[in-house]
Amino acid sequence: ATRYDKLARNFLAAVHLAAIVAYWIN
């Protein structure tokens, strides 16, 4: 895997976690 692939995975994971947090807050 390239650095870009890892960055993309981390980005998607962060977005997913943010969505879950927003869901629970609301």
N, C-alpha and C. Protein backbone atom coordinates (compact mmCIF):
# COMPACT_ATOMS: atom_id res chain seq x y z
N ALA A 1 0.85 -1.20 0.00
CA ALA A 1 0.00 0.00 0.00
C ALA A 1 0.88 1.25 0.00
N THR A 2 0.41 2.26 -0.69
CA THR A 2 1.17 3.50 -0.76
C THR A 2 0.74 4.44 0.36
N ARG A 3 1.48 5.52 0.52
CA ARG A 3 1.11 6.49 1.56
C ARG A 3 -0.26 7.07 1.27
N TYR A 4 -0.57 7.25 -0.02
CA TYR A 4 -1.86 7.81 -0.39
C TYR A 4 -2.99 6.87 0.03
N ASP A 5 -2.77 5.56 -0.16
CA ASP A 5 -3.79 4.59 0.22
C ASP A 5 -4.04 4.65 1.73
N LYS A 6 -2.95 4.75 2.50
CA LYS A 6 -3.09 4.82 3.95
C LYS A 6 -3.81 6.12 4.34
N LEU A 7 -3.44 7.21 3.68
CA LEU A 7 -4.07 8.49 3.98
C LEU A 7 -5.56 8.43 3.69
N ALA A 8 -5.92 7.82 2.57
CA ALA A 8 -7.33 7.71 2.20
C ALA A 8 -8.08 6.88 3.23
N ARG A 9 -7.47 5.78 3.67
CA ARG A 9 -8.12 4.92 4.67
C ARG A 9 -8.32 5.69 5.97
N ASN A 10 -7.30 6.43 6.39
CA ASN A 10 -7.41 7.20 7.63
C ASN A 10 -8.48 8.27 7.49
N PHE A 11 -8.55 8.90 6.31
CA PHE A 11 -9.54 9.95 6.07
C PHE A 11 -10.95 9.37 6.16
N LEU A 12 -11.16 8.24 5.49
CA LEU A 12 -12.49 7.62 5.50
C LEU A 12 -12.85 7.18 6.91
N ALA A 13 -11.89 6.67 7.66
CA ALA A 13 -12.14 6.25 9.03
C ALA A 13 -12.54 7.45 9.89
N ALA A 14 -11.85 8.57 9.69
CA ALA A 14 -12.16 9.78 10.46
C ALA A 14 -13.56 10.27 10.14
N VAL A 15 -13.92 10.25 8.85
CA VAL A 15 -15.25 10.69 8.44
C VAL A 15 -16.31 9.77 9.04
N HIS A 16 -16.05 8.48 9.00
CA HIS A 16 -17.00 7.51 9.55
C HIS A 16 -17.19 7.74 11.04
N LEU A 17 -16.10 7.93 11.77
CA LEU A 17 -16.20 8.17 13.21
C LEU A 17 -16.94 9.47 13.49
N ALA A 18 -16.68 10.50 12.68
CA ALA A 18 -17.36 11.78 12.87
C ALA A 18 -18.86 11.61 12.66
N ALA A 19 -19.24 10.79 11.67
CA ALA A 19 -20.65 10.56 11.39
C ALA A 19 -21.31 9.84 12.56
N ILE A 20 -20.62 8.87 13.14
CA ILE A 20 -21.17 8.14 14.29
C ILE A 20 -21.34 9.07 15.49
N VAL A 21 -20.33 9.89 15.75
CA VAL A 21 -20.40 10.83 16.87
C VAL A 21 -21.55 11.80 16.67
N ALA A 22 -21.69 12.34 15.46
CA ALA A 22 -22.77 13.28 15.16
C ALA A 22 -24.11 12.60 15.35
N TYR A 23 -24.20 11.33 14.95
CA TYR A 23 -25.45 10.58 15.08
C TYR A 23 -25.84 10.45 16.56
N TRP A 24 -24.87 10.10 17.41
CA TRP A 24 -25.17 9.93 18.83
C TRP A 24 -25.46 11.26 19.51
N ILE A 25 -24.78 12.33 19.11
CA ILE A 25 -25.02 13.64 19.71
C ILE A 25 -26.43 14.11 19.38
N ASN A 26 -26.84 13.88 18.15
CA ASN A 26 -28.17 14.31 17.74
C ASN A 26 -29.21 13.28 18.17
